[in-house]
Amino acid sequence: MFTKSLTRNTNTELCIDLKTILTSDRRAKMRKDYQGVLTRDGREHYTFIETLPETATRRNPHVFCGEFITVTRWADGSLHPNFKPTKIGGKGFNLESYAFGVAYEIREALKGLIEEIEG
């Protein structure tokens, strides 16, 4: 039976000042992922420092990695769920648990990512 628990802590900070220190762009671009460190250095002030040059980042980074699926974000900003290899029909395989696990992970992955895109 599928009993894996996924915890995701989401929070929306309103009316903040964000200073970005980027190496690949002058200003942050819409829907582009940046790898770096976000620091809260005041009550309503944050600083983001990009840590790796653009050439060192993954082409399609994983934005969710579960037991059954991964979700990647392509350069155009679209999200793509991918199934992980699973031995279907082998000894100990339970179809209902597998289907429930896949559905649960897709829901959890997209729940946080869709809110992020629409918000």
PDB file of N, CA and C in Angstrom:
ATOM      1  N   MET A   1       0.832  -1.186   0.000  1.00  0.00           N
ATOM      2  CA  MET A   1       0.000   0.000   0.000  1.00  0.00           C
ATOM      3  C   MET A   1       0.870   1.240   0.000  1.00  0.00           C
ATOM      4  N   PHE A   2       0.463   2.261  -0.696  1.00  0.00           N
ATOM      5  CA  PHE A   2       1.226   3.506  -0.798  1.00  0.00           C
ATOM      6  C   PHE A   2       1.010   4.346   0.455  1.00  0.00           C
ATOM      7  N   THR A   3       2.094   4.593   1.192  1.00  0.00           N
ATOM      8  CA  THR A   3       1.969   5.370   2.428  1.00  0.00           C
ATOM      9  C   THR A   3       2.961   6.526   2.482  1.00  0.00           C
ATOM     10  N   LYS A   4       3.644   6.801   1.393  1.00  0.00           N
ATOM     11  CA  LYS A   4       4.647   7.867   1.387  1.00  0.00           C
ATOM     12  C   LYS A   4       3.982   9.221   1.627  1.00  0.00           C
ATOM     13  N   SER A   5       4.565   9.990   2.506  1.00  0.00           N
ATOM     14  CA  SER A   5       4.019  11.300   2.831  1.00  0.00           C
ATOM     15  C   SER A   5       4.925  12.382   2.262  1.00  0.00           C
ATOM     16  N   LEU A   6       4.357  13.289   1.482  1.00  0.00           N
ATOM     17  CA  LEU A   6       5.108  14.393   0.913  1.00  0.00           C
ATOM     18  C   LEU A   6       4.694  15.680   1.612  1.00  0.00           C
ATOM     19  N   THR A   7       5.667  16.393   2.117  1.00  0.00           N
ATOM     20  CA  THR A   7       5.375  17.646   2.794  1.00  0.00           C
ATOM     21  C   THR A   7       5.959  18.783   1.979  1.00  0.00           C
ATOM     22  N   ARG A   8       5.150  19.780   1.718  1.00  0.00           N
ATOM     23  CA  ARG A   8       5.586  20.956   0.980  1.00  0.00           C
ATOM     24  C   ARG A   8       5.086  22.176   1.733  1.00  0.00           C
ATOM     25  N   ASN A   9       5.991  23.021   2.144  1.00  0.00           N
ATOM     26  CA  ASN A   9       5.617  24.226   2.877  1.00  0.00           C
ATOM     27  C   ASN A   9       5.580  25.389   1.900  1.00  0.00           C
ATOM     28  N   THR A  10       4.397  25.951   1.690  1.00  0.00           N
ATOM     29  CA  THR A  10       4.265  27.082   0.778  1.00  0.00           C
ATOM     30  C   THR A  10       3.908  28.325   1.579  1.00  0.00           C
ATOM     31  N   ASN A  11       4.391  29.438   1.108  1.00  0.00           N
ATOM     32  CA  ASN A  11       4.136  30.700   1.774  1.00  0.00           C
ATOM     33  C   ASN A  11       4.231  31.811   0.732  1.00  0.00           C
ATOM     34  N   THR A  12       3.388  32.808   0.833  1.00  0.00           N
ATOM     35  CA  THR A  12       3.435  33.961  -0.050  1.00  0.00           C
ATOM     36  C   THR A  12       3.747  35.193   0.776  1.00  0.00           C
ATOM     37  N   GLU A  13       4.859  35.824   0.462  1.00  0.00           N
ATOM     38  CA  GLU A  13       5.246  37.059   1.142  1.00  0.00           C
ATOM     39  C   GLU A  13       4.733  38.230   0.298  1.00  0.00           C
ATOM     40  N   LEU A  14       3.938  39.087   0.887  1.00  0.00           N
ATOM     41  CA  LEU A  14       3.396  40.239   0.181  1.00  0.00           C
ATOM     42  C   LEU A  14       4.213  41.483   0.489  1.00  0.00           C
ATOM     43  N   CYS A  15       4.317  42.377  -0.478  1.00  0.00           N
ATOM     44  CA  CYS A  15       4.950  43.683  -0.295  1.00  0.00           C
ATOM     45  C   CYS A  15       6.354  43.559   0.283  1.00  0.00           C
ATOM     46  N   ILE A  16       7.236  42.913  -0.463  1.00  0.00           N
ATOM     47  CA  ILE A  16       8.612  42.779   0.003  1.00  0.00           C
ATOM     48  C   ILE A  16       9.538  43.528  -0.946  1.00  0.00           C
ATOM     49  N   ASP A  17      10.722  43.829  -0.465  1.00  0.00           N
ATOM     50  CA  ASP A  17      11.791  44.362  -1.294  1.00  0.00           C
ATOM     51  C   ASP A  17      12.741  43.214  -1.583  1.00  0.00           C
ATOM     52  N   LEU A  18      13.014  42.988  -2.867  1.00  0.00           N
ATOM     53  CA  LEU A  18      13.907  41.908  -3.259  1.00  0.00           C
ATOM     54  C   LEU A  18      15.034  42.477  -4.096  1.00  0.00           C
ATOM     55  N   LYS A  19      16.248  42.279  -3.625  1.00  0.00           N
ATOM     56  CA  LYS A  19      17.434  42.690  -4.366  1.00  0.00           C
ATOM     57  C   LYS A  19      17.997  41.449  -5.033  1.00  0.00           C
ATOM     58  N   THR A  20      18.220  41.509  -6.362  1.00  0.00           N
ATOM     59  CA  THR A  20      18.785  40.367  -7.072  1.00  0.00           C
ATOM     60  C   THR A  20      20.197  40.698  -7.525  1.00  0.00           C
ATOM     61  N   ILE A  21      21.074  39.734  -7.345  1.00  0.00           N
ATOM     62  CA  ILE A  21      22.451  39.842  -7.821  1.00  0.00           C
ATOM     63  C   ILE A  21      22.643  38.676  -8.791  1.00  0.00           C
ATOM     64  N   LEU A  22      22.529  38.986 -10.088  1.00  0.00           N
ATOM     65  CA  LEU A  22      22.550  37.958 -11.122  1.00  0.00           C
ATOM     66  C   LEU A  22      23.818  38.059 -11.962  1.00  0.00           C
ATOM     67  N   THR A  23      24.295  36.912 -12.447  1.00  0.00           N
ATOM     68  CA  THR A  23      25.451  36.908 -13.336  1.00  0.00           C
ATOM     69  C   THR A  23      25.047  36.687 -14.785  1.00  0.00           C
ATOM     70  N   SER A  24      23.892  36.048 -15.007  1.00  0.00           N
ATOM     71  CA  SER A  24      23.492  35.700 -16.372  1.00  0.00           C
ATOM     72  C   SER A  24      22.608  36.757 -17.039  1.00  0.00           C
ATOM     73  N   ASP A  25      21.895  37.564 -16.282  1.00  0.00           N
ATOM     74  CA  ASP A  25      21.000  38.591 -16.833  1.00  0.00           C
ATOM     75  C   ASP A  25      21.116  39.864 -15.999  1.00  0.00           C
ATOM     76  N   ARG A  26      20.765  40.979 -16.634  1.00  0.00           N
ATOM     77  CA  ARG A  26      20.753  42.241 -15.891  1.00  0.00           C
ATOM     78  C   ARG A  26      19.569  42.292 -14.928  1.00  0.00           C
ATOM     79  N   ARG A  27      18.391  41.882 -15.428  1.00  0.00           N
ATOM     80  CA  ARG A  27      17.171  41.764 -14.619  1.00  0.00           C
ATOM     81  C   ARG A  27      16.625  40.361 -14.754  1.00  0.00           C
ATOM     82  N   ALA A  28      15.931  39.893 -13.725  1.00  0.00           N
ATOM     83  CA  ALA A  28      15.332  38.560 -13.771  1.00  0.00           C
ATOM     84  C   ALA A  28      14.272  38.519 -14.868  1.00  0.00           C
ATOM     85  N   LYS A  29      14.292  37.447 -15.656  1.00  0.00           N
ATOM     86  CA  LYS A  29      13.332  37.287 -16.749  1.00  0.00           C
ATOM     87  C   LYS A  29      12.140  36.468 -16.275  1.00  0.00           C
ATOM     88  N   MET A  30      10.984  36.717 -16.893  1.00  0.00           N
ATOM     89  CA  MET A  30       9.764  35.984 -16.579  1.00  0.00           C
ATOM     90  C   MET A  30       9.944  34.505 -16.889  1.00  0.00           C
ATOM     91  N   ARG A  31       9.467  33.655 -15.974  1.00  0.00           N
ATOM     92  CA  ARG A  31       9.427  32.203 -16.126  1.00  0.00           C
ATOM     93  C   ARG A  31      10.801  31.552 -16.291  1.00  0.00           C
ATOM     94  N   LYS A  32      11.889  32.256 -16.035  1.00  0.00           N
ATOM     95  CA  LYS A  32      13.228  31.670 -16.121  1.00  0.00           C
ATOM     96  C   LYS A  32      13.659  31.258 -14.721  1.00  0.00           C
ATOM     97  N   ASP A  33      14.208  30.052 -14.610  1.00  0.00           N
ATOM     98  CA  ASP A  33      14.700  29.571 -13.325  1.00  0.00           C
ATOM     99  C   ASP A  33      16.124  30.065 -13.104  1.00  0.00           C
ATOM    100  N   TYR A  34      16.395  30.492 -11.881  1.00  0.00           N
ATOM    101  CA  TYR A  34      17.730  30.906 -11.491  1.00  0.00           C
ATOM    102  C   TYR A  34      18.156  30.053 -10.306  1.00  0.00           C
ATOM    103  N   GLN A  35      19.400  29.641 -10.326  1.00  0.00           N
ATOM    104  CA  GLN A  35      19.923  28.842  -9.234  1.00  0.00           C
ATOM    105  C   GLN A  35      20.733  29.758  -8.338  1.00  0.00           C
ATOM    106  N   GLY A  36      20.442  29.715  -7.036  1.00  0.00           N
ATOM    107  CA  GLY A  36      21.164  30.591  -6.147  1.00  0.00           C
ATOM    108  C   GLY A  36      20.685  30.482  -4.725  1.00  0.00           C
ATOM    109  N   VAL A  37      20.977  31.530  -3.962  1.00  0.00           N
ATOM    110  CA  VAL A  37      20.655  31.561  -2.537  1.00  0.00           C
ATOM    111  C   VAL A  37      19.763  32.763  -2.257  1.00  0.00           C
ATOM    112  N   LEU A  38      18.645  32.509  -1.572  1.00  0.00           N
ATOM    113  CA  LEU A  38      17.729  33.562  -1.156  1.00  0.00           C
ATOM    114  C   LEU A  38      17.896  33.759   0.339  1.00  0.00           C
ATOM    115  N   THR A  39      18.184  34.982   0.737  1.00  0.00           N
ATOM    116  CA  THR A  39      18.415  35.291   2.143  1.00  0.00           C
ATOM    117  C   THR A  39      17.442  36.355   2.601  1.00  0.00           C
ATOM    118  N   ARG A  40      16.836  36.128   3.747  1.00  0.00           N
ATOM    119  CA  ARG A  40      15.982  37.150   4.345  1.00  0.00           C
ATOM    120  C   ARG A  40      16.881  37.972   5.263  1.00  0.00           C
ATOM    121  N   ASP A  41      17.177  39.200   4.843  1.00  0.00           N
ATOM    122  CA  ASP A  41      18.119  40.016   5.599  1.00  0.00           C
ATOM    123  C   ASP A  41      17.474  41.237   6.244  1.00  0.00           C
ATOM    124  N   GLY A  42      16.195  41.201   6.395  1.00  0.00           N
ATOM    125  CA  GLY A  42      15.450  42.259   7.069  1.00  0.00           C
ATOM    126  C   GLY A  42      14.014  41.823   7.230  1.00  0.00           C
ATOM    127  N   ARG A  43      13.205  42.654   7.881  1.00  0.00           N
ATOM    128  CA  ARG A  43      11.814  42.285   8.118  1.00  0.00           C
ATOM    129  C   ARG A  43      11.050  42.041   6.821  1.00  0.00           C
ATOM    130  N   GLU A  44      11.217  42.941   5.866  1.00  0.00           N
ATOM    131  CA  GLU A  44      10.552  42.794   4.572  1.00  0.00           C
ATOM    132  C   GLU A  44      11.545  42.901   3.423  1.00  0.00           C
ATOM    133  N   HIS A  45      12.800  42.553   3.664  1.00  0.00           N
ATOM    134  CA  HIS A  45      13.836  42.661   2.628  1.00  0.00           C
ATOM    135  C   HIS A  45      14.536  41.328   2.429  1.00  0.00           C
ATOM    136  N   TYR A  46      14.655  40.927   1.161  1.00  0.00           N
ATOM    137  CA  TYR A  46      15.312  39.689   0.783  1.00  0.00           C
ATOM    138  C   TYR A  46      16.381  39.993  -0.257  1.00  0.00           C
ATOM    139  N   THR A  47      17.423  39.161  -0.288  1.00  0.00           N
ATOM    140  CA  THR A  47      18.458  39.272  -1.303  1.00  0.00           C
ATOM    141  C   THR A  47      18.632  37.908  -1.954  1.00  0.00           C
ATOM    142  N   PHE A  48      18.624  37.884  -3.299  1.00  0.00           N
ATOM    143  CA  PHE A  48      18.873  36.661  -4.043  1.00  0.00           C
ATOM    144  C   PHE A  48      20.192  36.809  -4.774  1.00  0.00           C
ATOM    145  N   ILE A  49      21.093  35.839  -4.586  1.00  0.00           N
ATOM    146  CA  ILE A  49      22.386  35.848  -5.255  1.00  0.00           C
ATOM    147  C   ILE A  49      22.482  34.601  -6.133  1.00  0.00           C
ATOM    148  N   GLU A  50      22.640  34.824  -7.436  1.00  0.00           N
ATOM    149  CA  GLU A  50      22.788  33.695  -8.361  1.00  0.00           C
ATOM    150  C   GLU A  50      24.165  33.079  -8.139  1.00  0.00           C
ATOM    151  N   THR A  51      24.195  31.744  -8.016  1.00  0.00           N
ATOM    152  CA  THR A  51      25.450  31.096  -7.644  1.00  0.00           C
ATOM    153  C   THR A  51      26.199  30.445  -8.790  1.00  0.00           C
ATOM    154  N   LEU A  52      25.513  30.046  -9.866  1.00  0.00           N
ATOM    155  CA  LEU A  52      26.186  29.367 -10.962  1.00  0.00           C
ATOM    156  C   LEU A  52      25.940  30.099 -12.273  1.00  0.00           C
ATOM    157  N   PRO A  53      26.933  30.100 -13.156  1.00  0.00           N
ATOM    158  CA  PRO A  53      26.688  30.686 -14.468  1.00  0.00           C
ATOM    159  C   PRO A  53      25.652  29.870 -15.236  1.00  0.00           C
ATOM    160  N   GLU A  54      25.001  30.497 -16.201  1.00  0.00           N
ATOM    161  CA  GLU A  54      23.922  29.865 -16.948  1.00  0.00           C
ATOM    162  C   GLU A  54      24.356  28.561 -17.609  1.00  0.00           C
ATOM    163  N   THR A  55      25.598  28.469 -18.072  1.00  0.00           N
ATOM    164  CA  THR A  55      26.070  27.266 -18.754  1.00  0.00           C
ATOM    165  C   THR A  55      26.163  26.070 -17.816  1.00  0.00           C
ATOM    166  N   ALA A  56      26.217  26.298 -16.504  1.00  0.00           N
ATOM    167  CA  ALA A  56      26.350  25.200 -15.557  1.00  0.00           C
ATOM    168  C   ALA A  56      25.005  24.666 -15.075  1.00  0.00           C
ATOM    169  N   THR A  57      23.916  25.305 -15.437  1.00  0.00           N
ATOM    170  CA  THR A  57      22.601  24.852 -14.980  1.00  0.00           C
ATOM    171  C   THR A  57      22.088  23.731 -15.871  1.00  0.00           C
ATOM    172  N   ARG A  58      21.156  22.953 -15.341  1.00  0.00           N
ATOM    173  CA  ARG A  58      20.574  21.868 -16.112  1.00  0.00           C
ATOM    174  C   ARG A  58      19.670  22.418 -17.196  1.00  0.00           C
ATOM    175  N   ARG A  59      19.592  21.706 -18.301  1.00  0.00           N
ATOM    176  CA  ARG A  59      18.786  22.157 -19.421  1.00  0.00           C
ATOM    177  C   ARG A  59      17.304  22.169 -19.085  1.00  0.00           C
ATOM    178  N   ASN A  60      16.803  21.101 -18.499  1.00  0.00           N
ATOM    179  CA  ASN A  60      15.415  21.016 -18.076  1.00  0.00           C
ATOM    180  C   ASN A  60      15.404  20.594 -16.608  1.00  0.00           C
ATOM    181  N   PRO A  61      15.472  21.551 -15.699  1.00  0.00           N
ATOM    182  CA  PRO A  61      15.607  21.196 -14.281  1.00  0.00           C
ATOM    183  C   PRO A  61      14.360  20.520 -13.724  1.00  0.00           C
ATOM    184  N   HIS A  62      14.584  19.596 -12.789  1.00  0.00           N
ATOM    185  CA  HIS A  62      13.480  18.953 -12.079  1.00  0.00           C
ATOM    186  C   HIS A  62      12.907  19.954 -11.094  1.00  0.00           C
ATOM    187  N   VAL A  63      11.608  20.156 -11.132  1.00  0.00           N
ATOM    188  CA  VAL A  63      10.940  21.016 -10.155  1.00  0.00           C
ATOM    189  C   VAL A  63      10.171  20.173  -9.145  1.00  0.00           C
ATOM    190  N   PHE A  64      10.062  18.863  -9.419  1.00  0.00           N
ATOM    191  CA  PHE A  64       9.464  17.922  -8.476  1.00  0.00           C
ATOM    192  C   PHE A  64      10.071  16.551  -8.754  1.00  0.00           C
ATOM    193  N   CYS A  65      10.442  15.848  -7.688  1.00  0.00           N
ATOM    194  CA  CYS A  65      10.998  14.512  -7.832  1.00  0.00           C
ATOM    195  C   CYS A  65      10.347  13.629  -6.781  1.00  0.00           C
ATOM    196  N   GLY A  66       9.502  12.701  -7.226  1.00  0.00           N
ATOM    197  CA  GLY A  66       8.803  11.799  -6.319  1.00  0.00           C
ATOM    198  C   GLY A  66       9.256  10.366  -6.513  1.00  0.00           C
ATOM    199  N   GLU A  67       8.528   9.446  -5.931  1.00  0.00           N
ATOM    200  CA  GLU A  67       8.854   8.025  -6.048  1.00  0.00           C
ATOM    201  C   GLU A  67       8.465   7.488  -7.423  1.00  0.00           C
ATOM    202  N   PHE A  68       7.383   8.011  -8.009  1.00  0.00           N
ATOM    203  CA  PHE A  68       6.864   7.487  -9.269  1.00  0.00           C
ATOM    204  C   PHE A  68       7.049   8.423 -10.454  1.00  0.00           C
ATOM    205  N   ILE A  69       7.089   9.739 -10.214  1.00  0.00           N
ATOM    206  CA  ILE A  69       7.198  10.709 -11.317  1.00  0.00           C
ATOM    207  C   ILE A  69       8.222  11.785 -10.985  1.00  0.00           C
ATOM    208  N   THR A  70       8.677  12.467 -12.041  1.00  0.00           N
ATOM    209  CA  THR A  70       9.410  13.719 -11.903  1.00  0.00           C
ATOM    210  C   THR A  70       8.689  14.731 -12.785  1.00  0.00           C
ATOM    211  N   VAL A  71       8.793  15.997 -12.440  1.00  0.00           N
ATOM    212  CA  VAL A  71       8.234  17.058 -13.271  1.00  0.00           C
ATOM    213  C   VAL A  71       9.389  17.977 -13.634  1.00  0.00           C
ATOM    214  N   THR A  72       9.565  18.211 -14.928  1.00  0.00           N
ATOM    215  CA  THR A  72      10.628  19.100 -15.391  1.00  0.00           C
ATOM    216  C   THR A  72      10.006  20.357 -15.980  1.00  0.00           C
ATOM    217  N   ARG A  73      10.759  21.443 -15.893  1.00  0.00           N
ATOM    218  CA  ARG A  73      10.330  22.705 -16.505  1.00  0.00           C
ATOM    219  C   ARG A  73      11.225  22.957 -17.705  1.00  0.00           C
ATOM    220  N   TRP A  74      10.622  23.068 -18.876  1.00  0.00           N
ATOM    221  CA  TRP A  74      11.378  23.319 -20.096  1.00  0.00           C
ATOM    222  C   TRP A  74      11.704  24.801 -20.211  1.00  0.00           C
ATOM    223  N   ALA A  75      12.580  25.141 -21.131  1.00  0.00           N
ATOM    224  CA  ALA A  75      13.040  26.520 -21.301  1.00  0.00           C
ATOM    225  C   ALA A  75      11.895  27.482 -21.590  1.00  0.00           C
ATOM    226  N   ASP A  76      10.801  26.990 -22.221  1.00  0.00           N
ATOM    227  CA  ASP A  76       9.664  27.863 -22.527  1.00  0.00           C
ATOM    228  C   ASP A  76       8.735  28.047 -21.322  1.00  0.00           C
ATOM    229  N   GLY A  77       9.071  27.418 -20.177  1.00  0.00           N
ATOM    230  CA  GLY A  77       8.266  27.565 -18.971  1.00  0.00           C
ATOM    231  C   GLY A  77       7.221  26.484 -18.780  1.00  0.00           C
ATOM    232  N   SER A  78       7.030  25.623 -19.782  1.00  0.00           N
ATOM    233  CA  SER A  78       6.016  24.573 -19.660  1.00  0.00           C
ATOM    234  C   SER A  78       6.501  23.460 -18.732  1.00  0.00           C
ATOM    235  N   LEU A  79       5.531  22.795 -18.080  1.00  0.00           N
ATOM    236  CA  LEU A  79       5.818  21.716 -17.142  1.00  0.00           C
ATOM    237  C   LEU A  79       5.552  20.378 -17.801  1.00  0.00           C
ATOM    238  N   HIS A  80       6.445  19.403 -17.578  1.00  0.00           N
ATOM    239  CA  HIS A  80       6.318  18.090 -18.204  1.00  0.00           C
ATOM    240  C   HIS A  80       6.490  16.988 -17.166  1.00  0.00           C
ATOM    241  N   PRO A  81       5.385  16.272 -16.825  1.00  0.00           N
ATOM    242  CA  PRO A  81       5.502  15.132 -15.910  1.00  0.00           C
ATOM    243  C   PRO A  81       6.126  13.943 -16.651  1.00  0.00           C
ATOM    244  N   ASN A  82       7.013  13.226 -15.979  1.00  0.00           N
ATOM    245  CA  ASN A  82       7.680  12.058 -16.553  1.00  0.00           C
ATOM    246  C   ASN A  82       7.582  10.898 -15.572  1.00  0.00           C
ATOM    247  N   PHE A  83       7.229   9.722 -16.075  1.00  0.00           N
ATOM    248  CA  PHE A  83       7.182   8.530 -15.235  1.00  0.00           C
ATOM    249  C   PHE A  83       8.588   8.020 -14.992  1.00  0.00           C
ATOM    250  N   LYS A  84       8.853   7.591 -13.763  1.00  0.00           N
ATOM    251  CA  LYS A  84      10.116   6.926 -13.461  1.00  0.00           C
ATOM    252  C   LYS A  84       9.981   5.458 -13.848  1.00  0.00           C
ATOM    253  N   PRO A  85      11.095   4.814 -14.200  1.00  0.00           N
ATOM    254  CA  PRO A  85      11.014   3.393 -14.553  1.00  0.00           C
ATOM    255  C   PRO A  85      10.483   2.568 -13.380  1.00  0.00           C
ATOM    256  N   THR A  86       9.506   1.725 -13.661  1.00  0.00           N
ATOM    257  CA  THR A  86       8.899   0.869 -12.649  1.00  0.00           C
ATOM    258  C   THR A  86       8.675  -0.502 -13.254  1.00  0.00           C
ATOM    259  N   LYS A  87       9.012  -1.536 -12.507  1.00  0.00           N
ATOM    260  CA  LYS A  87       8.773  -2.904 -12.980  1.00  0.00           C
ATOM    261  C   LYS A  87       7.310  -3.247 -12.716  1.00  0.00           C
ATOM    262  N   ILE A  88       6.495  -3.096 -13.746  1.00  0.00           N
ATOM    263  CA  ILE A  88       5.061  -3.332 -13.623  1.00  0.00           C
ATOM    264  C   ILE A  88       4.779  -4.811 -13.810  1.00  0.00           C
ATOM    265  N   GLY A  89       3.983  -5.362 -12.910  1.00  0.00           N
ATOM    266  CA  GLY A  89       3.595  -6.761 -13.006  1.00  0.00           C
ATOM    267  C   GLY A  89       4.536  -7.721 -12.318  1.00  0.00           C
ATOM    268  N   GLY A  90       5.597  -7.223 -11.707  1.00  0.00           N
ATOM    269  CA  GLY A  90       6.529  -8.090 -11.001  1.00  0.00           C
ATOM    270  C   GLY A  90       5.969  -8.538  -9.667  1.00  0.00           C
ATOM    271  N   LYS A  91       6.734  -9.389  -8.991  1.00  0.00           N
ATOM    272  CA  LYS A  91       6.312  -9.897  -7.691  1.00  0.00           C
ATOM    273  C   LYS A  91       6.200  -8.729  -6.708  1.00  0.00           C
ATOM    274  N   GLY A  92       5.088  -8.658  -5.999  1.00  0.00           N
ATOM    275  CA  GLY A  92       4.865  -7.593  -5.029  1.00  0.00           C
ATOM    276  C   GLY A  92       4.270  -6.322  -5.622  1.00  0.00           C
ATOM    277  N   PHE A  93       4.054  -6.300  -6.938  1.00  0.00           N
ATOM    278  CA  PHE A  93       3.471  -5.114  -7.574  1.00  0.00           C
ATOM    279  C   PHE A  93       1.969  -5.083  -7.321  1.00  0.00           C
ATOM    280  N   ASN A  94       1.466  -3.919  -6.910  1.00  0.00           N
ATOM    281  CA  ASN A  94       0.042  -3.751  -6.660  1.00  0.00           C
ATOM    282  C   ASN A  94      -0.450  -2.611  -7.532  1.00  0.00           C
ATOM    283  N   LEU A  95      -1.300  -2.909  -8.496  1.00  0.00           N
ATOM    284  CA  LEU A  95      -1.777  -1.925  -9.465  1.00  0.00           C
ATOM    285  C   LEU A  95      -2.487  -0.755  -8.793  1.00  0.00           C
ATOM    286  N   GLU A  96      -3.353  -1.033  -7.827  1.00  0.00           N
ATOM    287  CA  GLU A  96      -4.108   0.042  -7.165  1.00  0.00           C
ATOM    288  C   GLU A  96      -3.172   0.992  -6.416  1.00  0.00           C
ATOM    289  N   SER A  97      -2.194   0.438  -5.703  1.00  0.00           N
ATOM    290  CA  SER A  97      -1.243   1.274  -4.962  1.00  0.00           C
ATOM    291  C   SER A  97      -0.407   2.123  -5.907  1.00  0.00           C
ATOM    292  N   TYR A  98       0.006   1.522  -7.030  1.00  0.00           N
ATOM    293  CA  TYR A  98       0.799   2.250  -8.017  1.00  0.00           C
ATOM    294  C   TYR A  98      -0.007   3.400  -8.614  1.00  0.00           C
ATOM    295  N   ALA A  99      -1.228   3.122  -9.043  1.00  0.00           N
ATOM    296  CA  ALA A  99      -2.078   4.157  -9.645  1.00  0.00           C
ATOM    297  C   ALA A  99      -2.374   5.271  -8.640  1.00  0.00           C
ATOM    298  N   PHE A 100      -2.663   4.900  -7.401  1.00  0.00           N
ATOM    299  CA  PHE A 100      -2.916   5.907  -6.373  1.00  0.00           C
ATOM    300  C   PHE A 100      -1.671   6.750  -6.120  1.00  0.00           C
ATOM    301  N   GLY A 101      -0.521   6.103  -6.061  1.00  0.00           N
ATOM    302  CA  GLY A 101       0.738   6.814  -5.826  1.00  0.00           C
ATOM    303  C   GLY A 101       1.051   7.809  -6.926  1.00  0.00           C
ATOM    304  N   VAL A 102       0.861   7.399  -8.181  1.00  0.00           N
ATOM    305  CA  VAL A 102       1.104   8.290  -9.320  1.00  0.00           C
ATOM    306  C   VAL A 102       0.144   9.480  -9.271  1.00  0.00           C
ATOM    307  N   ALA A 103      -1.147   9.214  -9.068  1.00  0.00           N
ATOM    308  CA  ALA A 103      -2.139  10.296  -9.011  1.00  0.00           C
ATOM    309  C   ALA A 103      -1.838  11.263  -7.871  1.00  0.00           C
ATOM    310  N   TYR A 104      -1.462  10.730  -6.715  1.00  0.00           N
ATOM    311  CA  TYR A 104      -1.158  11.573  -5.562  1.00  0.00           C
ATOM    312  C   TYR A 104       0.050  12.472  -5.843  1.00  0.00           C
ATOM    313  N   GLU A 105       1.092  11.905  -6.441  1.00  0.00           N
ATOM    314  CA  GLU A 105       2.287  12.705  -6.732  1.00  0.00           C
ATOM    315  C   GLU A 105       2.020  13.776  -7.785  1.00  0.00           C
ATOM    316  N   ILE A 106       1.245  13.451  -8.810  1.00  0.00           N
ATOM    317  CA  ILE A 106       0.909  14.459  -9.829  1.00  0.00           C
ATOM    318  C   ILE A 106       0.140  15.605  -9.173  1.00  0.00           C
ATOM    319  N   ARG A 107      -0.820  15.271  -8.324  1.00  0.00           N
ATOM    320  CA  ARG A 107      -1.611  16.299  -7.630  1.00  0.00           C
ATOM    321  C   ARG A 107      -0.716  17.171  -6.758  1.00  0.00           C
ATOM    322  N   GLU A 108       0.152  16.565  -5.964  1.00  0.00           N
ATOM    323  CA  GLU A 108       1.022  17.323  -5.066  1.00  0.00           C
ATOM    324  C   GLU A 108       2.013  18.186  -5.835  1.00  0.00           C
ATOM    325  N   ALA A 109       2.577  17.646  -6.901  1.00  0.00           N
ATOM    326  CA  ALA A 109       3.549  18.393  -7.695  1.00  0.00           C
ATOM    327  C   ALA A 109       2.905  19.605  -8.357  1.00  0.00           C
ATOM    328  N   LEU A 110       1.786  19.384  -9.017  1.00  0.00           N
ATOM    329  CA  LEU A 110       1.157  20.469  -9.764  1.00  0.00           C
ATOM    330  C   LEU A 110       0.439  21.462  -8.860  1.00  0.00           C
ATOM    331  N   LYS A 111      -0.006  21.023  -7.680  1.00  0.00           N
ATOM    332  CA  LYS A 111      -0.686  21.929  -6.758  1.00  0.00           C
ATOM    333  C   LYS A 111       0.221  23.117  -6.419  1.00  0.00           C
ATOM    334  N   GLY A 112       1.458  22.859  -6.058  1.00  0.00           N
ATOM    335  CA  GLY A 112       2.381  23.942  -5.745  1.00  0.00           C
ATOM    336  C   GLY A 112       2.850  24.700  -6.965  1.00  0.00           C
ATOM    337  N   LEU A 113       3.062  24.026  -8.073  1.00  0.00           N
ATOM    338  CA  LEU A 113       3.584  24.674  -9.258  1.00  0.00           C
ATOM    339  C   LEU A 113       2.544  25.506  -9.982  1.00  0.00           C
ATOM    340  N   ILE A 114       1.293  25.055 -10.036  1.00  0.00           N
ATOM    341  CA  ILE A 114       0.234  25.817 -10.709  1.00  0.00           C
ATOM    342  C   ILE A 114      -0.039  27.101  -9.943  1.00  0.00           C
ATOM    343  N   GLU A 115      -0.106  27.039  -8.599  1.00  0.00           N
ATOM    344  CA  GLU A 115      -0.306  28.242  -7.799  1.00  0.00           C
ATOM    345  C   GLU A 115       0.814  29.226  -8.024  1.00  0.00           C
ATOM    346  N   GLU A 116       2.048  28.719  -8.173  1.00  0.00           N
ATOM    347  CA  GLU A 116       3.203  29.567  -8.381  1.00  0.00           C
ATOM    348  C   GLU A 116       3.097  30.300  -9.720  1.00  0.00           C
ATOM    349  N   ILE A 117       2.638  29.617 -10.774  1.00  0.00           N
ATOM    350  CA  ILE A 117       2.538  30.217 -12.099  1.00  0.00           C
ATOM    351  C   ILE A 117       1.381  31.210 -12.165  1.00  0.00           C
ATOM    352  N   GLU A 118       0.220  30.834 -11.608  1.00  0.00           N
ATOM    353  CA  GLU A 118      -0.961  31.711 -11.692  1.00  0.00           C
ATOM    354  C   GLU A 118      -0.863  32.888 -10.747  1.00  0.00           C
ATOM    355  N   GLY A 119      -0.131  32.736  -9.652  1.00  0.00           N
ATOM    356  CA  GLY A 119      -0.036  33.775  -8.631  1.00  0.00           C
ATOM    357  C   GLY A 119       0.926  34.806  -8.966  1.00  0.00           C
TER     358      GLY A 119
END
